[in-house]
Amino acid sequence: MSRIKFSLAAVFALIATATFGWFFFLGINFMYKGDLQKSILMTLAPCTVLFLMVLVIKKVKAAKRDFRKNAIVEIFLLLIFVVIAMITFIPFAHYFAVLGRKTEIKKKIDVGIDNVKERFNQYKKCADDSIDFYSNKLETAIKGKSFNYEEYLKCGFQNNGILDPVQKNILLDNYKDDLLPAKYNTLKKYADNWLDDARSAFDKWKPISLMNIINSIENEANGWVAQIRGYNGKSASCIGNDFAFTSVDEELTKRATPSLFPILGALALFLGLLLPYLVANRSPKHPGFGSSLFKRNNDGDDGPGREL
C-alpha cells in the first residue's frame, strides 16, 4: 500500500514538475526574447534538480537510524529546495506578467501588420497612377508627333512602320511589367498569408510562435520592400523607406509584482512536487522530528551495522 501511495505521489510530482516547467520555460523565453536553446536548457536544469531533490529528501525522511543527523540534512535540503523554488518562481511569474500585457502587445503588433499591408496598397495605387500618367504621356507624344518629333522618339516610339497605337501598347505593357510584374502578385499573396498567420498567432496567444514572429516580422517586411524596389528601380518613389516597427521589448522583458494567481499556482505546484516527500513514512522507531533534532541520544536502537 505504501509503495502504491508513493508511486501515485511520484506521478503527481512529475505532472507538477512538467506544468511548472512549461510556464517557467515560457517566462524565460520572453526574458531572453525567444532564444529557444537557452530557454530549454535553463528550464531543464532547475526542474530536474528540484525533482531529484524531492526524491533525496524523501529517502532521508525514511532513514532508519542516525535520526538527528538525517533531520539536519532534511532541513538543509528543504531550505535549498525553498531557495531554488523562490528563484525559479521569478520566470514562472514573468509569463503571467507578460500575459497581463497581452492587449498592449497585440495593439502594437496589429498596428505594425496593418502598416505593412497598407504599404502594399499604397504601392499598388502609386504604380497604377504612374502607369496612367505614362499612358497619357505616350498619347500626348503621339498627338504631338508632327510638331515635337524629338519628344516622340524620346518616349520610345520608332518610325519603323508599326502603327503608333500598337507601339504605345507595347511600351505601356513593358512599363506595367516593370512596376507590377507577376512576381509582385505572388509576393503580395505570400506576405498577406504570412501576416494573417502572424495575427492569428497573437489572437490565439501562441507564445512560442509569437516570439518567432516578433523576432522576424521587421526583417520580413523590409525584405519585401527590398524585393519591390528591385523592379527595375521604378518602384523606389512608390515604396518609400524601410519599416521601423514599434518595439515590444519592454512589454516582454519588464518585470512586475506577481499577482495572486501565479503565487497560488506556484505554491500548489511546489506542494505537488513535494508530494513524494510529504506522503513518505518515517521509520517506526523515529522519535519524532522535534525529538530527533534536540535530543542527542536518538540515533536509533538498531545497533551498529544495521540497515539504514
C-alpha atoms as a PDB file:
ATOM      1  CA  MET A   1       0.000   0.000   0.000  1.00  0.00           C
ATOM      2  CA  SER A   2       2.837   2.352   0.890  1.00  0.00           C
ATOM      3  CA  ARG A   3       4.545   1.629  -2.441  1.00  0.00           C
ATOM      4  CA  ILE A   4       1.336   2.363  -4.379  1.00  0.00           C
ATOM      5  CA  LYS A   5       0.904   5.597  -2.444  1.00  0.00           C
ATOM      6  CA  PHE A   6       4.445   6.670  -3.309  1.00  0.00           C
ATOM      7  CA  SER A   7       4.026   5.717  -6.985  1.00  0.00           C
ATOM      8  CA  LEU A   8       0.922   7.891  -7.268  1.00  0.00           C
ATOM      9  CA  ALA A   9       2.710  10.700  -5.463  1.00  0.00           C
ATOM     10  CA  ALA A  10       5.646  10.398  -7.891  1.00  0.00           C
ATOM     11  CA  VAL A  11       3.237  10.649 -10.849  1.00  0.00           C
ATOM     12  CA  PHE A  12       1.653  13.782  -9.392  1.00  0.00           C
ATOM     13  CA  ALA A  13       5.126  15.193  -8.755  1.00  0.00           C
ATOM     14  CA  LEU A  14       6.106  14.602 -12.387  1.00  0.00           C
ATOM     15  CA  ILE A  15       2.939  16.310 -13.582  1.00  0.00           C
ATOM     16  CA  ALA A  16       3.570  19.248 -11.247  1.00  0.00           C
ATOM     17  CA  THR A  17       7.184  19.490 -12.449  1.00  0.00           C
ATOM     18  CA  ALA A  18       6.139  19.427 -16.107  1.00  0.00           C
ATOM     19  CA  THR A  19       3.426  22.046 -15.556  1.00  0.00           C
ATOM     20  CA  PHE A  20       5.714  24.339 -13.608  1.00  0.00           C
ATOM     21  CA  GLY A  21       8.489  23.789 -16.154  1.00  0.00           C
ATOM     22  CA  TRP A  22       6.226  24.752 -19.050  1.00  0.00           C
ATOM     23  CA  PHE A  23       5.315  28.152 -17.595  1.00  0.00           C
ATOM     24  CA  PHE A  24       8.896  28.631 -16.375  1.00  0.00           C
ATOM     25  CA  PHE A  25      10.094  27.980 -19.943  1.00  0.00           C
ATOM     26  CA  LEU A  26       7.605  30.473 -21.396  1.00  0.00           C
ATOM     27  CA  GLY A  27       8.720  33.128 -18.913  1.00  0.00           C
ATOM     28  CA  ILE A  28      12.401  32.519 -19.646  1.00  0.00           C
ATOM     29  CA  ASN A  29      11.673  32.571 -23.370  1.00  0.00           C
ATOM     30  CA  PHE A  30      10.140  36.028 -23.024  1.00  0.00           C
ATOM     31  CA  MET A  31      13.047  37.246 -20.887  1.00  0.00           C
ATOM     32  CA  TYR A  32      15.584  36.111 -23.487  1.00  0.00           C
ATOM     33  CA  LYS A  33      13.492  37.303 -26.449  1.00  0.00           C
ATOM     34  CA  GLY A  34      12.891  33.909 -27.991  1.00  0.00           C
ATOM     35  CA  ASP A  35      16.303  32.268 -27.527  1.00  0.00           C
ATOM     36  CA  LEU A  36      14.837  28.758 -27.661  1.00  0.00           C
ATOM     37  CA  GLN A  37      18.001  26.759 -26.962  1.00  0.00           C
ATOM     38  CA  LYS A  38      18.949  28.818 -23.921  1.00  0.00           C
ATOM     39  CA  SER A  39      15.374  28.739 -22.635  1.00  0.00           C
ATOM     40  CA  ILE A  40      15.172  24.945 -22.885  1.00  0.00           C
ATOM     41  CA  LEU A  41      18.491  24.412 -21.099  1.00  0.00           C
ATOM     42  CA  MET A  42      17.620  26.923 -18.374  1.00  0.00           C
ATOM     43  CA  THR A  43      14.308  25.132 -17.836  1.00  0.00           C
ATOM     44  CA  LEU A  44      15.594  21.560 -17.738  1.00  0.00           C
ATOM     45  CA  ALA A  45      18.337  22.287 -15.205  1.00  0.00           C
ATOM     46  CA  PRO A  46      16.297  23.660 -12.245  1.00  0.00           C
ATOM     47  CA  CYS A  47      13.271  21.410 -12.858  1.00  0.00           C
ATOM     48  CA  THR A  48      15.461  18.305 -12.879  1.00  0.00           C
ATOM     49  CA  VAL A  49      17.266  19.463  -9.737  1.00  0.00           C
ATOM     50  CA  LEU A  50      14.004  20.152  -7.891  1.00  0.00           C
ATOM     51  CA  PHE A  51      12.531  16.758  -8.772  1.00  0.00           C
ATOM     52  CA  LEU A  52      15.678  14.848  -7.806  1.00  0.00           C
ATOM     53  CA  MET A  53      15.928  16.822  -4.571  1.00  0.00           C
ATOM     54  CA  VAL A  54      12.448  15.702  -3.589  1.00  0.00           C
ATOM     55  CA  LEU A  55      13.429  12.055  -4.065  1.00  0.00           C
ATOM     56  CA  VAL A  56      16.566  12.567  -1.972  1.00  0.00           C
ATOM     57  CA  ILE A  57      14.655  14.356   0.803  1.00  0.00           C
ATOM     58  CA  LYS A  58      12.079  11.581   0.780  1.00  0.00           C
ATOM     59  CA  LYS A  59      14.835   9.000   1.221  1.00  0.00           C
ATOM     60  CA  VAL A  60      16.385  10.982   4.074  1.00  0.00           C
ATOM     61  CA  LYS A  61      12.991  11.217   5.767  1.00  0.00           C
ATOM     62  CA  ALA A  62      12.611   7.431   5.641  1.00  0.00           C
ATOM     63  CA  ALA A  63      16.034   6.787   7.256  1.00  0.00           C
ATOM     64  CA  LYS A  64      16.060   4.054   9.915  1.00  0.00           C
ATOM     65  CA  ARG A  65      18.972   5.343  12.019  1.00  0.00           C
ATOM     66  CA  ASP A  66      21.061   8.452  12.686  1.00  0.00           C
ATOM     67  CA  PHE A  67      17.838  10.365  13.159  1.00  0.00           C
ATOM     68  CA  ARG A  68      19.416  13.594  14.396  1.00  0.00           C
ATOM     69  CA  LYS A  69      21.922  13.771  11.562  1.00  0.00           C
ATOM     70  CA  ASN A  70      19.275  12.951   8.976  1.00  0.00           C
ATOM     71  CA  ALA A  71      16.883  15.526  10.444  1.00  0.00           C
ATOM     72  CA  ILE A  72      19.549  18.210   9.983  1.00  0.00           C
ATOM     73  CA  VAL A  73      20.172  17.051   6.407  1.00  0.00           C
ATOM     74  CA  GLU A  74      16.421  17.034   5.784  1.00  0.00           C
ATOM     75  CA  ILE A  75      16.036  20.630   6.976  1.00  0.00           C
ATOM     76  CA  PHE A  76      19.080  21.718   4.974  1.00  0.00           C
ATOM     77  CA  LEU A  77      17.757  20.142   1.770  1.00  0.00           C
ATOM     78  CA  LEU A  78      14.304  21.605   2.329  1.00  0.00           C
ATOM     79  CA  LEU A  79      15.830  25.062   2.740  1.00  0.00           C
ATOM     80  CA  ILE A  80      17.761  24.624  -0.510  1.00  0.00           C
ATOM     81  CA  PHE A  81      14.547  23.474  -2.180  1.00  0.00           C
ATOM     82  CA  VAL A  82      12.763  26.617  -0.945  1.00  0.00           C
ATOM     83  CA  VAL A  83      15.589  28.879  -2.168  1.00  0.00           C
ATOM     84  CA  ILE A  84      15.585  27.275  -5.627  1.00  0.00           C
ATOM     85  CA  ALA A  85      11.785  27.443  -5.699  1.00  0.00           C
ATOM     86  CA  MET A  86      11.859  31.169  -4.915  1.00  0.00           C
ATOM     87  CA  ILE A  87      14.436  31.822  -7.640  1.00  0.00           C
ATOM     88  CA  THR A  88      12.597  29.775 -10.244  1.00  0.00           C
ATOM     89  CA  PHE A  89       9.329  31.469  -9.310  1.00  0.00           C
ATOM     90  CA  ILE A  90      10.576  34.692 -10.962  1.00  0.00           C
ATOM     91  CA  PRO A  91      10.494  33.395 -14.569  1.00  0.00           C
ATOM     92  CA  PHE A  92       7.340  31.400 -13.776  1.00  0.00           C
ATOM     93  CA  ALA A  93       5.541  34.569 -12.645  1.00  0.00           C
ATOM     94  CA  HIS A  94       7.052  36.590 -15.514  1.00  0.00           C
ATOM     95  CA  TYR A  95       4.991  34.664 -18.056  1.00  0.00           C
ATOM     96  CA  PHE A  96       1.800  35.785 -16.321  1.00  0.00           C
ATOM     97  CA  ALA A  97       3.100  39.364 -16.167  1.00  0.00           C
ATOM     98  CA  VAL A  98       3.552  39.320 -19.964  1.00  0.00           C
ATOM     99  CA  LEU A  99       0.159  37.659 -20.349  1.00  0.00           C
ATOM    100  CA  GLY A 100      -1.306  40.615 -18.470  1.00  0.00           C
ATOM    101  CA  ARG A 101       0.173  42.922 -21.136  1.00  0.00           C
ATOM    102  CA  LYS A 102      -1.288  40.853 -23.968  1.00  0.00           C
ATOM    103  CA  THR A 103      -3.644  43.625 -25.094  1.00  0.00           C
ATOM    104  CA  GLU A 104      -0.847  46.227 -25.287  1.00  0.00           C
ATOM    105  CA  ILE A 105       1.441  43.866 -27.197  1.00  0.00           C
ATOM    106  CA  LYS A 106      -1.304  42.873 -29.624  1.00  0.00           C
ATOM    107  CA  LYS A 107      -2.196  46.511 -30.338  1.00  0.00           C
ATOM    108  CA  LYS A 108       1.394  47.337 -31.274  1.00  0.00           C
ATOM    109  CA  ILE A 109       1.773  44.266 -33.458  1.00  0.00           C
ATOM    110  CA  ASP A 110      -1.612  44.893 -35.114  1.00  0.00           C
ATOM    111  CA  VAL A 111      -0.520  48.427 -35.992  1.00  0.00           C
ATOM    112  CA  GLY A 112       2.717  47.072 -37.486  1.00  0.00           C
ATOM    113  CA  ILE A 113       0.889  44.405 -39.522  1.00  0.00           C
ATOM    114  CA  ASP A 114      -1.679  46.928 -40.770  1.00  0.00           C
ATOM    115  CA  ASN A 115       1.144  49.283 -41.801  1.00  0.00           C
ATOM    116  CA  VAL A 116       2.819  46.541 -43.831  1.00  0.00           C
ATOM    117  CA  LYS A 117      -0.426  45.696 -45.625  1.00  0.00           C
ATOM    118  CA  GLU A 118      -1.112  49.355 -46.238  1.00  0.00           C
ATOM    119  CA  ARG A 119       2.352  49.763 -47.708  1.00  0.00           C
ATOM    120  CA  PHE A 120       1.439  47.197 -50.376  1.00  0.00           C
ATOM    121  CA  ASN A 121      -1.836  49.032 -51.056  1.00  0.00           C
ATOM    122  CA  GLN A 122      -0.020  52.357 -51.319  1.00  0.00           C
ATOM    123  CA  TYR A 123       2.484  50.888 -53.730  1.00  0.00           C
ATOM    124  CA  LYS A 124      -0.270  49.435 -55.928  1.00  0.00           C
ATOM    125  CA  LYS A 125      -2.078  52.783 -56.051  1.00  0.00           C
ATOM    126  CA  CYS A 126       1.178  54.623 -56.774  1.00  0.00           C
ATOM    127  CA  ALA A 127       2.055  52.139 -59.531  1.00  0.00           C
ATOM    128  CA  ASP A 128      -1.419  52.433 -61.097  1.00  0.00           C
ATOM    129  CA  ASP A 129      -1.177  56.236 -61.037  1.00  0.00           C
ATOM    130  CA  SER A 130       2.279  56.045 -62.587  1.00  0.00           C
ATOM    131  CA  ILE A 131       1.004  53.732 -65.326  1.00  0.00           C
ATOM    132  CA  ASP A 132      -1.899  56.108 -66.076  1.00  0.00           C
ATOM    133  CA  PHE A 133       0.499  59.034 -66.206  1.00  0.00           C
ATOM    134  CA  TYR A 134       2.808  57.161 -68.587  1.00  0.00           C
ATOM    135  CA  SER A 135      -0.138  56.177 -70.795  1.00  0.00           C
ATOM    136  CA  ASN A 136      -1.185  59.826 -71.077  1.00  0.00           C
ATOM    137  CA  LYS A 137       2.397  60.819 -71.810  1.00  0.00           C
ATOM    138  CA  LEU A 138       2.581  58.338 -74.678  1.00  0.00           C
ATOM    139  CA  GLU A 139      -0.756  59.533 -76.049  1.00  0.00           C
ATOM    140  CA  THR A 140       0.439  63.131 -75.888  1.00  0.00           C
ATOM    141  CA  ALA A 141       3.647  62.168 -77.734  1.00  0.00           C
ATOM    142  CA  ILE A 142       1.591  60.554 -80.495  1.00  0.00           C
ATOM    143  CA  LYS A 143      -0.660  63.603 -80.859  1.00  0.00           C
ATOM    144  CA  GLY A 144       2.337  65.994 -80.930  1.00  0.00           C
ATOM    145  CA  LYS A 145       4.415  63.851 -83.246  1.00  0.00           C
ATOM    146  CA  SER A 146       4.209  66.255 -86.151  1.00  0.00           C
ATOM    147  CA  PHE A 147       5.491  69.309 -84.272  1.00  0.00           C
ATOM    148  CA  ASN A 148       7.592  67.681 -81.490  1.00  0.00           C
ATOM    149  CA  TYR A 149       9.138  64.688 -83.160  1.00  0.00           C
ATOM    150  CA  GLU A 150      12.092  64.660 -80.730  1.00  0.00           C
ATOM    151  CA  GLU A 151       9.769  64.088 -77.762  1.00  0.00           C
ATOM    152  CA  TYR A 152       8.019  61.358 -79.751  1.00  0.00           C
ATOM    153  CA  LEU A 153      11.317  59.497 -80.172  1.00  0.00           C
ATOM    154  CA  LYS A 154      12.358  60.168 -76.580  1.00  0.00           C
ATOM    155  CA  CYS A 155       9.235  58.364 -75.378  1.00  0.00           C
ATOM    156  CA  GLY A 156      10.405  55.211 -77.158  1.00  0.00           C
ATOM    157  CA  PHE A 157       8.471  55.372 -80.425  1.00  0.00           C
ATOM    158  CA  GLN A 158      10.201  54.423 -83.648  1.00  0.00           C
ATOM    159  CA  ASN A 159       9.482  55.258 -87.279  1.00  0.00           C
ATOM    160  CA  ASN A 160       9.536  51.595 -88.295  1.00  0.00           C
ATOM    161  CA  GLY A 161       6.213  51.176 -89.985  1.00  0.00           C
ATOM    162  CA  ILE A 162       4.406  49.855 -86.869  1.00  0.00           C
ATOM    163  CA  LEU A 163       1.294  51.856 -86.065  1.00  0.00           C
ATOM    164  CA  ASP A 164       1.622  54.278 -83.154  1.00  0.00           C
ATOM    165  CA  PRO A 165      -1.252  52.740 -81.114  1.00  0.00           C
ATOM    166  CA  VAL A 166       0.429  49.322 -81.401  1.00  0.00           C
ATOM    167  CA  GLN A 167       3.771  50.767 -80.319  1.00  0.00           C
ATOM    168  CA  LYS A 168       2.027  52.549 -77.440  1.00  0.00           C
ATOM    169  CA  ASN A 169       0.508  49.295 -76.181  1.00  0.00           C
ATOM    170  CA  ILE A 170       3.896  47.551 -76.354  1.00  0.00           C
ATOM    171  CA  LEU A 171       5.610  50.371 -74.444  1.00  0.00           C
ATOM    172  CA  LEU A 172       2.809  50.500 -71.873  1.00  0.00           C
ATOM    173  CA  ASP A 173       2.818  46.739 -71.342  1.00  0.00           C
ATOM    174  CA  ASN A 174       6.572  46.795 -70.747  1.00  0.00           C
ATOM    175  CA  TYR A 175       6.140  49.605 -68.258  1.00  0.00           C
ATOM    176  CA  LYS A 176       3.400  47.690 -66.430  1.00  0.00           C
ATOM    177  CA  ASP A 177       5.579  44.594 -66.294  1.00  0.00           C
ATOM    178  CA  ASP A 178       8.305  46.675 -64.682  1.00  0.00           C
ATOM    179  CA  LEU A 179       6.111  48.168 -61.984  1.00  0.00           C
ATOM    180  CA  LEU A 180       3.625  45.334 -61.438  1.00  0.00           C
ATOM    181  CA  PRO A 181       5.195  42.106 -62.648  1.00  0.00           C
ATOM    182  CA  ALA A 182       3.576  38.726 -61.990  1.00  0.00           C
ATOM    183  CA  LYS A 183       6.030  38.147 -59.139  1.00  0.00           C
ATOM    184  CA  TYR A 184       4.598  41.204 -57.369  1.00  0.00           C
ATOM    185  CA  ASN A 185       1.231  39.465 -57.033  1.00  0.00           C
ATOM    186  CA  THR A 186       2.983  36.316 -55.796  1.00  0.00           C
ATOM    187  CA  LEU A 187       4.941  38.353 -53.243  1.00  0.00           C
ATOM    188  CA  LYS A 188       1.849  40.207 -52.043  1.00  0.00           C
ATOM    189  CA  LYS A 189      -0.107  36.964 -51.635  1.00  0.00           C
ATOM    190  CA  TYR A 190       2.748  35.391 -49.673  1.00  0.00           C
ATOM    191  CA  ALA A 191       3.087  38.496 -47.482  1.00  0.00           C
ATOM    192  CA  ASP A 192      -0.674  38.632 -46.821  1.00  0.00           C
ATOM    193  CA  ASN A 193      -0.737  34.957 -45.778  1.00  0.00           C
ATOM    194  CA  TRP A 194       2.328  35.382 -43.578  1.00  0.00           C
ATOM    195  CA  LEU A 195       0.873  38.460 -41.873  1.00  0.00           C
ATOM    196  CA  ASP A 196      -2.518  36.776 -41.412  1.00  0.00           C
ATOM    197  CA  ASP A 197      -0.788  33.815 -39.751  1.00  0.00           C
ATOM    198  CA  ALA A 198       1.140  36.248 -37.563  1.00  0.00           C
ATOM    199  CA  ARG A 199      -2.049  37.989 -36.473  1.00  0.00           C
ATOM    200  CA  SER A 200      -3.687  34.626 -35.799  1.00  0.00           C
ATOM    201  CA  ALA A 201      -0.782  33.578 -33.576  1.00  0.00           C
ATOM    202  CA  PHE A 202      -1.365  36.689 -31.469  1.00  0.00           C
ATOM    203  CA  ASP A 203      -5.144  36.276 -31.427  1.00  0.00           C
ATOM    204  CA  LYS A 204      -4.786  32.677 -30.231  1.00  0.00           C
ATOM    205  CA  TRP A 205      -1.862  33.647 -27.962  1.00  0.00           C
ATOM    206  CA  LYS A 206       0.698  31.075 -29.058  1.00  0.00           C
ATOM    207  CA  PRO A 207       3.713  32.214 -27.005  1.00  0.00           C
ATOM    208  CA  ILE A 208       6.446  30.361 -28.939  1.00  0.00           C
ATOM    209  CA  SER A 209       5.100  31.326 -32.368  1.00  0.00           C
ATOM    210  CA  LEU A 210       4.603  34.815 -31.025  1.00  0.00           C
ATOM    211  CA  MET A 211       8.299  35.191 -30.211  1.00  0.00           C
ATOM    212  CA  ASN A 212       9.309  33.897 -33.652  1.00  0.00           C
ATOM    213  CA  ILE A 213       7.051  36.496 -35.261  1.00  0.00           C
ATOM    214  CA  ILE A 214       8.291  39.373 -33.112  1.00  0.00           C
ATOM    215  CA  ASN A 215      11.876  38.455 -33.925  1.00  0.00           C
ATOM    216  CA  SER A 216      11.306  38.193 -37.675  1.00  0.00           C
ATOM    217  CA  ILE A 217       8.432  40.471 -38.687  1.00  0.00           C
ATOM    218  CA  GLU A 218      10.533  43.596 -39.249  1.00  0.00           C
ATOM    219  CA  ASN A 219      13.174  41.751 -41.275  1.00  0.00           C
ATOM    220  CA  GLU A 220      10.477  40.013 -43.309  1.00  0.00           C
ATOM    221  CA  ALA A 221       8.712  43.301 -44.083  1.00  0.00           C
ATOM    222  CA  ASN A 222      11.907  45.083 -45.068  1.00  0.00           C
ATOM    223  CA  GLY A 223      12.830  42.104 -47.241  1.00  0.00           C
ATOM    224  CA  TRP A 224       9.546  42.515 -49.113  1.00  0.00           C
ATOM    225  CA  VAL A 225      10.242  46.229 -49.529  1.00  0.00           C
ATOM    226  CA  ALA A 226      13.659  45.445 -50.968  1.00  0.00           C
ATOM    227  CA  GLN A 227      12.146  42.995 -53.460  1.00  0.00           C
ATOM    228  CA  ILE A 228       9.626  45.577 -54.663  1.00  0.00           C
ATOM    229  CA  ARG A 229      12.395  48.128 -55.030  1.00  0.00           C
ATOM    230  CA  GLY A 230      14.143  45.667 -57.301  1.00  0.00           C
ATOM    231  CA  TYR A 231      11.520  46.047 -60.028  1.00  0.00           C
ATOM    232  CA  ASN A 232      13.928  47.932 -62.319  1.00  0.00           C
ATOM    233  CA  GLY A 233      14.147  50.727 -59.761  1.00  0.00           C
ATOM    234  CA  LYS A 234      10.899  52.297 -60.957  1.00  0.00           C
ATOM    235  CA  SER A 235       9.151  51.482 -57.680  1.00  0.00           C
ATOM    236  CA  ALA A 236      11.598  53.366 -55.457  1.00  0.00           C
ATOM    237  CA  SER A 237       9.487  56.515 -55.452  1.00  0.00           C
ATOM    238  CA  CYS A 238       6.375  54.477 -54.622  1.00  0.00           C
ATOM    239  CA  ILE A 239       7.565  52.145 -51.874  1.00  0.00           C
ATOM    240  CA  GLY A 240       9.200  54.645 -49.524  1.00  0.00           C
ATOM    241  CA  ASN A 241      11.550  53.893 -46.639  1.00  0.00           C
ATOM    242  CA  ASP A 242      12.079  50.686 -44.677  1.00  0.00           C
ATOM    243  CA  PHE A 243       9.753  49.754 -41.845  1.00  0.00           C
ATOM    244  CA  ALA A 244      10.556  50.617 -38.252  1.00  0.00           C
ATOM    245  CA  PHE A 245       8.183  48.676 -36.010  1.00  0.00           C
ATOM    246  CA  THR A 246       7.314  49.924 -32.559  1.00  0.00           C
ATOM    247  CA  SER A 247       9.327  47.751 -30.174  1.00  0.00           C
ATOM    248  CA  VAL A 248       7.512  45.477 -27.716  1.00  0.00           C
ATOM    249  CA  ASP A 249      10.700  44.558 -25.847  1.00  0.00           C
ATOM    250  CA  GLU A 250       9.597  46.404 -22.715  1.00  0.00           C
ATOM    251  CA  GLU A 251       6.288  44.535 -22.593  1.00  0.00           C
ATOM    252  CA  LEU A 252       8.139  41.234 -22.979  1.00  0.00           C
ATOM    253  CA  THR A 253      11.018  41.753 -20.560  1.00  0.00           C
ATOM    254  CA  LYS A 254       9.837  44.210 -17.905  1.00  0.00           C
ATOM    255  CA  ARG A 255       9.225  42.515 -14.583  1.00  0.00           C
ATOM    256  CA  ALA A 256       6.158  43.208 -12.466  1.00  0.00           C
ATOM    257  CA  THR A 257       4.933  42.412  -8.974  1.00  0.00           C
ATOM    258  CA  PRO A 258       3.343  38.947  -9.201  1.00  0.00           C
ATOM    259  CA  SER A 259      -0.420  38.779  -8.926  1.00  0.00           C
ATOM    260  CA  LEU A 260      -2.216  36.353  -6.627  1.00  0.00           C
ATOM    261  CA  PHE A 261      -2.845  33.774  -9.350  1.00  0.00           C
ATOM    262  CA  PRO A 262       0.812  32.853 -10.150  1.00  0.00           C
ATOM    263  CA  ILE A 263       1.647  32.895  -6.428  1.00  0.00           C
ATOM    264  CA  LEU A 264      -1.114  30.424  -5.557  1.00  0.00           C
ATOM    265  CA  GLY A 265      -0.421  28.422  -8.704  1.00  0.00           C
ATOM    266  CA  ALA A 266       3.274  28.088  -7.893  1.00  0.00           C
ATOM    267  CA  LEU A 267       2.520  27.096  -4.285  1.00  0.00           C
ATOM    268  CA  ALA A 268       0.131  24.391  -5.479  1.00  0.00           C
ATOM    269  CA  LEU A 269       2.681  23.071  -7.983  1.00  0.00           C
ATOM    270  CA  PHE A 270       5.512  23.065  -5.436  1.00  0.00           C
ATOM    271  CA  LEU A 271       3.304  21.154  -2.989  1.00  0.00           C
ATOM    272  CA  GLY A 272       2.513  18.692  -5.767  1.00  0.00           C
ATOM    273  CA  LEU A 273       6.221  18.374  -6.450  1.00  0.00           C
ATOM    274  CA  LEU A 274       6.871  17.694  -2.754  1.00  0.00           C
ATOM    275  CA  LEU A 275       4.136  15.044  -2.578  1.00  0.00           C
ATOM    276  CA  PRO A 276       6.529  12.019  -2.584  1.00  0.00           C
ATOM    277  CA  TYR A 277       8.283  13.542   0.439  1.00  0.00           C
ATOM    278  CA  LEU A 278       5.061  14.551   2.188  1.00  0.00           C
ATOM    279  CA  VAL A 279       3.463  11.084   1.955  1.00  0.00           C
ATOM    280  CA  ALA A 280       6.645   9.162   2.795  1.00  0.00           C
ATOM    281  CA  ASN A 281       6.537   7.356   6.135  1.00  0.00           C
ATOM    282  CA  ARG A 282       9.199   7.731   8.792  1.00  0.00           C
ATOM    283  CA  SER A 283      10.737   4.728  10.479  1.00  0.00           C
ATOM    284  CA  PRO A 284       8.538   3.222  13.244  1.00  0.00           C
ATOM    285  CA  LYS A 285      11.477   3.815  15.609  1.00  0.00           C
ATOM    286  CA  HIS A 286      11.712   7.504  14.717  1.00  0.00           C
ATOM    287  CA  PRO A 287      11.373   9.531  17.929  1.00  0.00           C
ATOM    288  CA  GLY A 288       9.628  12.437  16.179  1.00  0.00           C
ATOM    289  CA  PHE A 289      11.114  15.282  14.190  1.00  0.00           C
ATOM    290  CA  GLY A 290      11.461  17.645  17.144  1.00  0.00           C
ATOM    291  CA  SER A 291      12.926  14.995  19.426  1.00  0.00           C
ATOM    292  CA  SER A 292      15.399  13.872  16.780  1.00  0.00           C
ATOM    293  CA  LEU A 293      16.711  17.426  16.455  1.00  0.00           C
ATOM    294  CA  PHE A 294      17.001  18.416  20.114  1.00  0.00           C
ATOM    295  CA  LYS A 295      17.780  15.129  21.881  1.00  0.00           C
ATOM    296  CA  ARG A 296      21.208  13.722  21.268  1.00  0.00           C
ATOM    297  CA  ASN A 297      20.501  10.134  22.326  1.00  0.00           C
ATOM    298  CA  ASN A 298      18.166   9.299  19.475  1.00  0.00           C
ATOM    299  CA  ASP A 299      20.310   7.728  16.806  1.00  0.00           C
ATOM    300  CA  GLY A 300      18.215   4.572  16.681  1.00  0.00           C
ATOM    301  CA  ASP A 301      18.302   1.291  18.502  1.00  0.00           C
ATOM    302  CA  ASP A 302      19.205  -0.935  15.646  1.00  0.00           C
ATOM    303  CA  GLY A 303      22.822  -1.162  16.725  1.00  0.00           C
ATOM    304  CA  PRO A 304      25.910  -0.963  14.616  1.00  0.00           C
ATOM    305  CA  GLY A 305      25.878  -2.441  11.156  1.00  0.00           C
ATOM    306  CA  ARG A 306      22.074  -2.441  10.892  1.00  0.00           C
ATOM    307  CA  GLU A 307      20.295  -1.309   7.718  1.00  0.00           C
ATOM    308  CA  LEU A 308      19.592   2.409   7.248  1.00  0.00           C
END
